[in-house]
Protein backbone atom coordinates (compact mmCIF):
# COMPACT_ATOMS: atom_id res chain seq x y z
CA UNK A 1 0.00 0.00 0.00
CA UNK A 2 1.22 3.50 -0.75
CA UNK A 3 0.53 4.47 2.86
CA UNK A 4 2.92 1.78 4.10
CA UNK A 5 5.59 2.96 1.64
CA UNK A 6 5.12 6.55 2.85
CA UNK A 7 5.41 5.44 6.47
CA UNK A 8 8.55 3.40 5.77
CA UNK A 9 10.18 6.32 3.96
CA UNK A 10 8.85 8.89 6.46
CA UNK A 11 7.26 10.82 3.62
CA UNK A 12 3.86 12.30 2.88
CA UNK A 13 1.55 10.03 0.84
CA UNK A 14 1.12 12.65 -1.89
CA UNK A 15 4.90 12.99 -2.22
CA UNK A 16 5.29 9.22 -2.51
CA UNK A 17 2.51 9.09 -5.10
CA UNK A 18 4.18 11.83 -7.15
CA UNK A 19 7.56 10.08 -6.92
CA UNK A 20 6.09 6.75 -8.00
CA UNK A 21 4.54 8.11 -11.20
CA UNK A 22 7.80 8.26 -13.21
CA UNK A 23 8.67 4.72 -12.05
CA UNK A 24 5.26 3.52 -13.22
CA UNK A 25 5.64 5.30 -16.58
CA UNK A 26 9.05 3.67 -16.99
CA UNK A 27 7.51 0.25 -16.38
CA UNK A 28 9.47 -0.38 -13.18
CA UNK A 29 6.42 -0.65 -10.90
CA UNK A 30 2.71 -1.28 -11.13
CA UNK A 31 0.10 0.53 -9.06
CA UNK A 32 -3.23 -1.25 -8.69
CA UNK A 33 -6.38 -0.90 -6.63
CA UNK A 34 -6.21 -2.96 -3.43
CA UNK A 35 -8.81 -5.73 -3.75
CA UNK A 36 -9.39 -5.78 0.03
CA UNK A 37 -9.75 -2.01 0.40
CA UNK A 38 -10.76 -0.31 -2.85
CA UNK A 39 -9.62 3.07 -1.45
CA UNK A 40 -6.01 1.87 -1.26
CA UNK A 41 -3.40 1.27 -3.91
CA UNK A 42 -0.88 -1.56 -4.01
CA UNK A 43 2.58 -1.00 -5.45
CA UNK A 44 4.65 -3.84 -6.90
CA UNK A 45 7.94 -4.10 -8.73
CA UNK A 46 7.83 -5.40 -12.27
CA UNK A 47 10.51 -7.73 -13.61
CA UNK A 48 12.24 -4.67 -15.09
CA UNK A 49 11.97 -2.96 -11.70
CA UNK A 50 13.58 -5.92 -9.96
CA UNK A 51 16.44 -5.83 -12.48
CA UNK A 52 17.02 -2.11 -11.91
CA UNK A 53 16.82 -2.60 -8.14
CA UNK A 54 19.44 -5.36 -8.30
CA UNK A 55 21.73 -3.12 -10.35
CA UNK A 56 21.21 -0.16 -8.00
CA UNK A 57 21.79 -2.33 -4.94
CA UNK A 58 25.12 -3.50 -6.35
CA UNK A 59 26.20 0.11 -6.95
CA UNK A 60 24.99 1.16 -3.46
CA UNK A 61 26.97 -1.64 -1.80
CA UNK A 62 30.12 -0.72 -3.73
CA UNK A 63 29.78 3.00 -2.97
CA UNK A 64 28.97 2.34 0.69
CA UNK A 65 32.10 0.19 0.98
CA UNK A 66 34.19 2.94 -0.65
CA UNK A 67 32.80 5.50 1.79
CA UNK A 68 33.47 3.19 4.75
CA UNK A 69 37.07 2.88 3.51
CA UNK A 70 37.40 6.67 3.47
CA UNK A 71 35.89 7.33 6.89
CA UNK A 72 36.89 4.12 8.65
CA UNK A 73 34.13 2.21 10.35
CA UNK A 74 32.20 5.44 10.83
CA UNK A 75 31.94 5.22 14.62
CA UNK A 76 33.38 8.72 15.15
CA UNK A 77 31.13 10.18 12.44
CA UNK A 78 28.04 8.50 13.88
CA UNK A 79 28.92 9.68 17.41
CA UNK A 80 29.34 13.24 16.14
CA UNK A 81 26.03 13.10 14.32
CA UNK A 82 24.28 11.82 17.46
CA UNK A 83 25.70 14.77 19.41
CA UNK A 84 24.57 17.21 16.73
CA UNK A 85 21.00 15.85 16.88
CA UNK A 86 20.78 15.70 20.67
PDB file of N, CA and C in Angstrom:
ATOM      1  N   UNK A   1       0.837  -1.171   0.000  1.00  0.00           N
ATOM      2  CA  UNK A   1       0.000   0.000   0.000  1.00  0.00           C
ATOM      3  C   UNK A   1       0.894   1.250   0.000  1.00  0.00           C
ATOM      4  N   UNK A   2       0.445   2.261  -0.663  1.00  0.00           N
ATOM      5  CA  UNK A   2       1.216   3.503  -0.748  1.00  0.00           C
ATOM      6  C   UNK A   2       1.412   4.094   0.647  1.00  0.00           C
ATOM      7  N   UNK A   3       0.399   3.966   1.496  1.00  0.00           N
ATOM      8  CA  UNK A   3       0.525   4.473   2.861  1.00  0.00           C
ATOM      9  C   UNK A   3       1.661   3.809   3.617  1.00  0.00           C
ATOM     10  N   UNK A   4       1.835   2.516   3.439  1.00  0.00           N
ATOM     11  CA  UNK A   4       2.921   1.782   4.096  1.00  0.00           C
ATOM     12  C   UNK A   4       4.278   2.226   3.554  1.00  0.00           C
ATOM     13  N   UNK A   5       4.349   2.466   2.252  1.00  0.00           N
ATOM     14  CA  UNK A   5       5.592   2.958   1.640  1.00  0.00           C
ATOM     15  C   UNK A   5       5.916   4.341   2.213  1.00  0.00           C
ATOM     16  N   UNK A   6       4.914   5.205   2.304  1.00  0.00           N
ATOM     17  CA  UNK A   6       5.120   6.550   2.851  1.00  0.00           C
ATOM     18  C   UNK A   6       5.607   6.478   4.292  1.00  0.00           C
ATOM     19  N   UNK A   7       5.001   5.595   5.068  1.00  0.00           N
ATOM     20  CA  UNK A   7       5.415   5.444   6.469  1.00  0.00           C
ATOM     21  C   UNK A   7       6.850   4.944   6.565  1.00  0.00           C
ATOM     22  N   UNK A   8       7.198   3.946   5.767  1.00  0.00           N
ATOM     23  CA  UNK A   8       8.552   3.397   5.768  1.00  0.00           C
ATOM     24  C   UNK A   8       9.586   4.463   5.414  1.00  0.00           C
ATOM     25  N   UNK A   9       9.255   5.294   4.423  1.00  0.00           N
ATOM     26  CA  UNK A   9      10.184   6.325   3.965  1.00  0.00           C
ATOM     27  C   UNK A   9      10.075   7.630   4.747  1.00  0.00           C
ATOM     28  N   UNK A  10       9.125   7.691   5.672  1.00  0.00           N
ATOM     29  CA  UNK A  10       8.846   8.894   6.456  1.00  0.00           C
ATOM     30  C   UNK A  10       8.589  10.065   5.509  1.00  0.00           C
ATOM     31  N   UNK A  11       7.636   9.830   4.616  1.00  0.00           N
ATOM     32  CA  UNK A  11       7.255  10.820   3.620  1.00  0.00           C
ATOM     33  C   UNK A  11       5.740  10.965   3.605  1.00  0.00           C
ATOM     34  N   UNK A  12       5.275  12.066   3.081  1.00  0.00           N
ATOM     35  CA  UNK A  12       3.859  12.297   2.879  1.00  0.00           C
ATOM     36  C   UNK A  12       3.354  11.411   1.743  1.00  0.00           C
ATOM     37  N   UNK A  13       2.114  10.896   1.873  1.00  0.00           N
ATOM     38  CA  UNK A  13       1.549  10.029   0.837  1.00  0.00           C
ATOM     39  C   UNK A  13       1.531  10.690  -0.538  1.00  0.00           C
ATOM     40  N   UNK A  14       1.195  11.980  -0.580  1.00  0.00           N
ATOM     41  CA  UNK A  14       1.121  12.650  -1.885  1.00  0.00           C
ATOM     42  C   UNK A  14       2.503  12.765  -2.527  1.00  0.00           C
ATOM     43  N   UNK A  15       3.539  12.937  -1.700  1.00  0.00           N
ATOM     44  CA  UNK A  15       4.905  12.993  -2.223  1.00  0.00           C
ATOM     45  C   UNK A  15       5.309  11.633  -2.779  1.00  0.00           C
ATOM     46  N   UNK A  16       4.981  10.573  -2.041  1.00  0.00           N
ATOM     47  CA  UNK A  16       5.292   9.220  -2.513  1.00  0.00           C
ATOM     48  C   UNK A  16       4.572   8.952  -3.834  1.00  0.00           C
ATOM     49  N   UNK A  17       3.289   9.293  -3.882  1.00  0.00           N
ATOM     50  CA  UNK A  17       2.511   9.086  -5.104  1.00  0.00           C
ATOM     51  C   UNK A  17       3.153   9.811  -6.282  1.00  0.00           C
ATOM     52  N   UNK A  18       3.544  11.053  -6.077  1.00  0.00           N
ATOM     53  CA  UNK A  18       4.183  11.827  -7.149  1.00  0.00           C
ATOM     54  C   UNK A  18       5.502  11.207  -7.574  1.00  0.00           C
ATOM     55  N   UNK A  19       6.269  10.688  -6.608  1.00  0.00           N
ATOM     56  CA  UNK A  19       7.558  10.082  -6.924  1.00  0.00           C
ATOM     57  C   UNK A  19       7.425   8.717  -7.581  1.00  0.00           C
ATOM     58  N   UNK A  20       6.298   8.057  -7.379  1.00  0.00           N
ATOM     59  CA  UNK A  20       6.088   6.748  -7.997  1.00  0.00           C
ATOM     60  C   UNK A  20       5.658   6.853  -9.463  1.00  0.00           C
ATOM     61  N   UNK A  21       5.053   7.959  -9.835  1.00  0.00           N
ATOM     62  CA  UNK A  21       4.539   8.106 -11.199  1.00  0.00           C
ATOM     63  C   UNK A  21       5.602   7.892 -12.279  1.00  0.00           C
ATOM     64  N   UNK A  22       6.790   8.504 -12.169  1.00  0.00           N
ATOM     65  CA  UNK A  22       7.802   8.256 -13.207  1.00  0.00           C
ATOM     66  C   UNK A  22       8.252   6.790 -13.247  1.00  0.00           C
ATOM     67  N   UNK A  23       8.284   6.134 -12.087  1.00  0.00           N
ATOM     68  CA  UNK A  23       8.666   4.720 -12.051  1.00  0.00           C
ATOM     69  C   UNK A  23       7.605   3.866 -12.742  1.00  0.00           C
ATOM     70  N   UNK A  24       6.348   4.246 -12.551  1.00  0.00           N
ATOM     71  CA  UNK A  24       5.261   3.521 -13.219  1.00  0.00           C
ATOM     72  C   UNK A  24       5.325   3.742 -14.734  1.00  0.00           C
ATOM     73  N   UNK A  25       5.547   5.008 -15.140  1.00  0.00           N
ATOM     74  CA  UNK A  25       5.643   5.299 -16.576  1.00  0.00           C
ATOM     75  C   UNK A  25       6.803   4.557 -17.225  1.00  0.00           C
ATOM     76  N   UNK A  26       7.876   4.366 -16.464  1.00  0.00           N
ATOM     77  CA  UNK A  26       9.052   3.665 -16.992  1.00  0.00           C
ATOM     78  C   UNK A  26       8.879   2.145 -16.965  1.00  0.00           C
ATOM     79  N   UNK A  27       7.765   1.680 -16.424  1.00  0.00           N
ATOM     80  CA  UNK A  27       7.510   0.248 -16.385  1.00  0.00           C
ATOM     81  C   UNK A  27       8.244  -0.493 -15.289  1.00  0.00           C
ATOM     82  N   UNK A  28       8.715   0.246 -14.267  1.00  0.00           N
ATOM     83  CA  UNK A  28       9.467  -0.375 -13.180  1.00  0.00           C
ATOM     84  C   UNK A  28       8.570  -0.851 -12.039  1.00  0.00           C
ATOM     85  N   UNK A  29       7.378  -0.257 -11.926  1.00  0.00           N
ATOM     86  CA  UNK A  29       6.418  -0.650 -10.901  1.00  0.00           C
ATOM     87  C   UNK A  29       5.024  -0.700 -11.513  1.00  0.00           C
ATOM     88  N   UNK A  30       4.128  -1.361 -10.804  1.00  0.00           N
ATOM     89  CA  UNK A  30       2.709  -1.282 -11.132  1.00  0.00           C
ATOM     90  C   UNK A  30       1.994  -0.741  -9.906  1.00  0.00           C
ATOM     91  N   UNK A  31       0.944   0.022 -10.137  1.00  0.00           N
ATOM     92  CA  UNK A  31       0.096   0.528  -9.065  1.00  0.00           C
ATOM     93  C   UNK A  31      -1.310   0.065  -9.390  1.00  0.00           C
ATOM     94  N   UNK A  32      -1.908  -0.681  -8.454  1.00  0.00           N
ATOM     95  CA  UNK A  32      -3.229  -1.253  -8.687  1.00  0.00           C
ATOM     96  C   UNK A  32      -4.126  -1.019  -7.476  1.00  0.00           C
ATOM     97  N   UNK A  33      -5.410  -1.032  -7.713  1.00  0.00           N
ATOM     98  CA  UNK A  33      -6.383  -0.901  -6.632  1.00  0.00           C
ATOM     99  C   UNK A  33      -6.255  -2.119  -5.721  1.00  0.00           C
ATOM    100  N   UNK A  34      -6.264  -1.874  -4.412  1.00  0.00           N
ATOM    101  CA  UNK A  34      -6.213  -2.959  -3.432  1.00  0.00           C
ATOM    102  C   UNK A  34      -7.563  -3.670  -3.431  1.00  0.00           C
ATOM    103  N   UNK A  35      -7.566  -4.962  -3.677  1.00  0.00           N
ATOM    104  CA  UNK A  35      -8.815  -5.728  -3.746  1.00  0.00           C
ATOM    105  C   UNK A  35      -9.531  -5.786  -2.397  1.00  0.00           C
ATOM    106  N   UNK A  36      -8.776  -5.707  -1.298  1.00  0.00           N
ATOM    107  CA  UNK A  36      -9.392  -5.776   0.027  1.00  0.00           C
ATOM    108  C   UNK A  36      -9.907  -4.429   0.504  1.00  0.00           C
ATOM    109  N   UNK A  37      -9.319  -3.357   0.019  1.00  0.00           N
ATOM    110  CA  UNK A  37      -9.748  -2.009   0.398  1.00  0.00           C
ATOM    111  C   UNK A  37      -9.650  -1.146  -0.852  1.00  0.00           C
ATOM    112  N   UNK A  38     -10.743  -0.985  -1.548  1.00  0.00           N
ATOM    113  CA  UNK A  38     -10.764  -0.305  -2.848  1.00  0.00           C
ATOM    114  C   UNK A  38     -10.226   1.128  -2.786  1.00  0.00           C
ATOM    115  N   UNK A  39     -10.143   1.707  -1.587  1.00  0.00           N
ATOM    116  CA  UNK A  39      -9.615   3.071  -1.453  1.00  0.00           C
ATOM    117  C   UNK A  39      -8.095   3.093  -1.568  1.00  0.00           C
ATOM    118  N   UNK A  40      -7.468   1.947  -1.281  1.00  0.00           N
ATOM    119  CA  UNK A  40      -6.013   1.867  -1.259  1.00  0.00           C
ATOM    120  C   UNK A  40      -5.426   1.452  -2.593  1.00  0.00           C
ATOM    121  N   UNK A  41      -4.138   1.662  -2.720  1.00  0.00           N
ATOM    122  CA  UNK A  41      -3.396   1.275  -3.914  1.00  0.00           C
ATOM    123  C   UNK A  41      -2.224   0.404  -3.500  1.00  0.00           C
ATOM    124  N   UNK A  42      -2.006  -0.662  -4.252  1.00  0.00           N
ATOM    125  CA  UNK A  42      -0.875  -1.560  -4.012  1.00  0.00           C
ATOM    126  C   UNK A  42       0.202  -1.280  -5.048  1.00  0.00           C
ATOM    127  N   UNK A  43       1.422  -1.256  -4.581  1.00  0.00           N
ATOM    128  CA  UNK A  43       2.575  -0.996  -5.445  1.00  0.00           C
ATOM    129  C   UNK A  43       3.399  -2.279  -5.516  1.00  0.00           C
ATOM    130  N   UNK A  44       3.825  -2.635  -6.715  1.00  0.00           N
ATOM    131  CA  UNK A  44       4.646  -3.835  -6.900  1.00  0.00           C
ATOM    132  C   UNK A  44       5.714  -3.572  -7.943  1.00  0.00           C
ATOM    133  N   UNK A  45       6.872  -4.177  -7.737  1.00  0.00           N
ATOM    134  CA  UNK A  45       7.945  -4.104  -8.732  1.00  0.00           C
ATOM    135  C   UNK A  45       7.612  -5.011  -9.905  1.00  0.00           C
ATOM    136  N   UNK A  46       7.920  -4.557 -11.090  1.00  0.00           N
ATOM    137  CA  UNK A  46       7.832  -5.402 -12.275  1.00  0.00           C
ATOM    138  C   UNK A  46       9.161  -6.157 -12.402  1.00  0.00           C
ATOM    139  N   UNK A  47       9.238  -7.052 -13.364  1.00  0.00           N
ATOM    140  CA  UNK A  47      10.512  -7.733 -13.612  1.00  0.00           C
ATOM    141  C   UNK A  47      11.607  -6.725 -13.940  1.00  0.00           C
ATOM    142  N   UNK A  48      11.265  -5.726 -14.751  1.00  0.00           N
ATOM    143  CA  UNK A  48      12.243  -4.674 -15.085  1.00  0.00           C
ATOM    144  C   UNK A  48      12.639  -3.909 -13.829  1.00  0.00           C
ATOM    145  N   UNK A  49      11.685  -3.651 -12.950  1.00  0.00           N
ATOM    146  CA  UNK A  49      11.966  -2.955 -11.698  1.00  0.00           C
ATOM    147  C   UNK A  49      12.903  -3.751 -10.804  1.00  0.00           C
ATOM    148  N   UNK A  50      12.697  -5.072 -10.753  1.00  0.00           N
ATOM    149  CA  UNK A  50      13.585  -5.922  -9.958  1.00  0.00           C
ATOM    150  C   UNK A  50      15.008  -5.911 -10.528  1.00  0.00           C
ATOM    151  N   UNK A  51      15.119  -5.886 -11.845  1.00  0.00           N
ATOM    152  CA  UNK A  51      16.437  -5.829 -12.481  1.00  0.00           C
ATOM    153  C   UNK A  51      17.146  -4.527 -12.127  1.00  0.00           C
ATOM    154  N   UNK A  52      16.431  -3.410 -12.239  1.00  0.00           N
ATOM    155  CA  UNK A  52      17.024  -2.106 -11.908  1.00  0.00           C
ATOM    156  C   UNK A  52      17.381  -2.042 -10.430  1.00  0.00           C
ATOM    157  N   UNK A  53      16.525  -2.580  -9.571  1.00  0.00           N
ATOM    158  CA  UNK A  53      16.817  -2.598  -8.136  1.00  0.00           C
ATOM    159  C   UNK A  53      18.084  -3.399  -7.858  1.00  0.00           C
ATOM    160  N   UNK A  54      18.234  -4.543  -8.493  1.00  0.00           N
ATOM    161  CA  UNK A  54      19.438  -5.362  -8.298  1.00  0.00           C
ATOM    162  C   UNK A  54      20.686  -4.603  -8.740  1.00  0.00           C
ATOM    163  N   UNK A  55      20.597  -3.909  -9.868  1.00  0.00           N
ATOM    164  CA  UNK A  55      21.734  -3.117 -10.352  1.00  0.00           C
ATOM    165  C   UNK A  55      22.051  -1.980  -9.385  1.00  0.00           C
ATOM    166  N   UNK A  56      21.016  -1.291  -8.920  1.00  0.00           N
ATOM    167  CA  UNK A  56      21.210  -0.160  -8.003  1.00  0.00           C
ATOM    168  C   UNK A  56      21.762  -0.638  -6.666  1.00  0.00           C
ATOM    169  N   UNK A  57      21.306  -1.788  -6.209  1.00  0.00           N
ATOM    170  CA  UNK A  57      21.793  -2.330  -4.940  1.00  0.00           C
ATOM    171  C   UNK A  57      23.279  -2.638  -5.025  1.00  0.00           C
ATOM    172  N   UNK A  58      23.694  -3.208  -6.146  1.00  0.00           N
ATOM    173  CA  UNK A  58      25.121  -3.502  -6.346  1.00  0.00           C
ATOM    174  C   UNK A  58      25.942  -2.213  -6.285  1.00  0.00           C
ATOM    175  N   UNK A  59      25.492  -1.171  -6.962  1.00  0.00           N
ATOM    176  CA  UNK A  59      26.198   0.113  -6.948  1.00  0.00           C
ATOM    177  C   UNK A  59      26.216   0.690  -5.536  1.00  0.00           C
ATOM    178  N   UNK A  60      25.068   0.621  -4.825  1.00  0.00           N
ATOM    179  CA  UNK A  60      24.995   1.163  -3.465  1.00  0.00           C
ATOM    180  C   UNK A  60      25.988   0.454  -2.558  1.00  0.00           C
ATOM    181  N   UNK A  61      26.053  -0.881  -2.639  1.00  0.00           N
ATOM    182  CA  UNK A  61      26.970  -1.644  -1.799  1.00  0.00           C
ATOM    183  C   UNK A  61      28.413  -1.243  -2.088  1.00  0.00           C
ATOM    184  N   UNK A  62      28.760  -1.112  -3.365  1.00  0.00           N
ATOM    185  CA  UNK A  62      30.121  -0.719  -3.733  1.00  0.00           C
ATOM    186  C   UNK A  62      30.455   0.680  -3.227  1.00  0.00           C
ATOM    187  N   UNK A  63      29.532   1.621  -3.410  1.00  0.00           N
ATOM    188  CA  UNK A  63      29.778   2.998  -2.974  1.00  0.00           C
ATOM    189  C   UNK A  63      29.818   3.103  -1.451  1.00  0.00           C
ATOM    190  N   UNK A  64      28.977   2.343  -0.774  1.00  0.00           N
ATOM    191  CA  UNK A  64      28.974   2.342   0.689  1.00  0.00           C
ATOM    192  C   UNK A  64      30.307   1.807   1.207  1.00  0.00           C
ATOM    193  N   UNK A  65      30.811   0.746   0.584  1.00  0.00           N
ATOM    194  CA  UNK A  65      32.104   0.189   0.982  1.00  0.00           C
ATOM    195  C   UNK A  65      33.221   1.206   0.748  1.00  0.00           C
ATOM    196  N   UNK A  66      33.170   1.920  -0.374  1.00  0.00           N
ATOM    197  CA  UNK A  66      34.187   2.941  -0.654  1.00  0.00           C
ATOM    198  C   UNK A  66      34.137   4.054   0.391  1.00  0.00           C
ATOM    199  N   UNK A  67      32.948   4.473   0.771  1.00  0.00           N
ATOM    200  CA  UNK A  67      32.800   5.501   1.794  1.00  0.00           C
ATOM    201  C   UNK A  67      33.323   5.006   3.136  1.00  0.00           C
ATOM    202  N   UNK A  68      32.965   3.769   3.502  1.00  0.00           N
ATOM    203  CA  UNK A  68      33.471   3.187   4.748  1.00  0.00           C
ATOM    204  C   UNK A  68      34.997   3.163   4.750  1.00  0.00           C
ATOM    205  N   UNK A  69      35.607   2.872   3.596  1.00  0.00           N
ATOM    206  CA  UNK A  69      37.070   2.876   3.510  1.00  0.00           C
ATOM    207  C   UNK A  69      37.633   4.267   3.742  1.00  0.00           C
ATOM    208  N   UNK A  70      36.921   5.291   3.302  1.00  0.00           N
ATOM    209  CA  UNK A  70      37.402   6.672   3.466  1.00  0.00           C
ATOM    210  C   UNK A  70      37.227   7.171   4.897  1.00  0.00           C
ATOM    211  N   UNK A  71      36.146   6.793   5.546  1.00  0.00           N
ATOM    212  CA  UNK A  71      35.885   7.326   6.893  1.00  0.00           C
ATOM    213  C   UNK A  71      36.124   6.302   7.992  1.00  0.00           C
ATOM    214  N   UNK A  72      36.693   5.167   7.652  1.00  0.00           N
ATOM    215  CA  UNK A  72      36.890   4.116   8.651  1.00  0.00           C
ATOM    216  C   UNK A  72      35.559   3.424   8.890  1.00  0.00           C
ATOM    217  N   UNK A  73      35.377   2.914  10.088  1.00  0.00           N
ATOM    218  CA  UNK A  73      34.129   2.205  10.347  1.00  0.00           C
ATOM    219  C   UNK A  73      32.965   3.163  10.604  1.00  0.00           C
ATOM    220  N   UNK A  74      33.262   4.448  10.692  1.00  0.00           N
ATOM    221  CA  UNK A  74      32.198   5.436  10.832  1.00  0.00           C
ATOM    222  C   UNK A  74      31.756   5.699  12.249  1.00  0.00           C
ATOM    223  N   UNK A  75      32.377   5.037  13.240  1.00  0.00           N
ATOM    224  CA  UNK A  75      31.943   5.225  14.624  1.00  0.00           C
ATOM    225  C   UNK A  75      32.065   6.681  15.070  1.00  0.00           C
ATOM    226  N   UNK A  76      33.181   7.330  14.735  1.00  0.00           N
ATOM    227  CA  UNK A  76      33.376   8.722  15.147  1.00  0.00           C
ATOM    228  C   UNK A  76      32.361   9.632  14.461  1.00  0.00           C
ATOM    229  N   UNK A  77      32.112   9.384  13.172  1.00  0.00           N
ATOM    230  CA  UNK A  77      31.131  10.183  12.442  1.00  0.00           C
ATOM    231  C   UNK A  77      29.743  10.006  13.049  1.00  0.00           C
ATOM    232  N   UNK A  78      29.358   8.763  13.310  1.00  0.00           N
ATOM    233  CA  UNK A  78      28.038   8.503  13.882  1.00  0.00           C
ATOM    234  C   UNK A  78      27.900   9.137  15.270  1.00  0.00           C
ATOM    235  N   UNK A  79      28.954   9.069  16.077  1.00  0.00           N
ATOM    236  CA  UNK A  79      28.920   9.678  17.414  1.00  0.00           C
ATOM    237  C   UNK A  79      28.754  11.192  17.298  1.00  0.00           C
ATOM    238  N   UNK A  80      29.469  11.797  16.358  1.00  0.00           N
ATOM    239  CA  UNK A  80      29.337  13.236  16.144  1.00  0.00           C
ATOM    240  C   UNK A  80      27.956  13.630  15.683  1.00  0.00           C
ATOM    241  N   UNK A  81      27.375  12.827  14.798  1.00  0.00           N
ATOM    242  CA  UNK A  81      26.025  13.098  14.318  1.00  0.00           C
ATOM    243  C   UNK A  81      25.009  12.972  15.452  1.00  0.00           C
ATOM    244  N   UNK A  82      25.203  11.980  16.326  1.00  0.00           N
ATOM    245  CA  UNK A  82      24.280  11.819  17.458  1.00  0.00           C
ATOM    246  C   UNK A  82      24.350  13.056  18.366  1.00  0.00           C
ATOM    247  N   UNK A  83      25.545  13.575  18.583  1.00  0.00           N
ATOM    248  CA  UNK A  83      25.701  14.775  19.407  1.00  0.00           C
ATOM    249  C   UNK A  83      25.029  15.976  18.754  1.00  0.00           C
ATOM    250  N   UNK A  84      25.160  16.078  17.458  1.00  0.00           N
ATOM    251  CA  UNK A  84      24.568  17.214  16.735  1.00  0.00           C
ATOM    252  C   UNK A  84      23.049  17.180  16.810  1.00  0.00           C
ATOM    253  N   UNK A  85      22.467  15.995  16.848  1.00  0.00           N
ATOM    254  CA  UNK A  85      21.002  15.853  16.876  1.00  0.00           C
ATOM    255  C   UNK A  85      20.465  16.041  18.281  1.00  0.00           C
ATOM    256  N   UNK A  86      21.238  15.646  19.258  1.00  0.00           N
ATOM    257  CA  UNK A  86      20.784  15.704  20.666  1.00  0.00           C
ATOM    258  C   UNK A  86      20.610  17.089  21.176  1.00  0.00           C
TER     259      UNK A  86
END
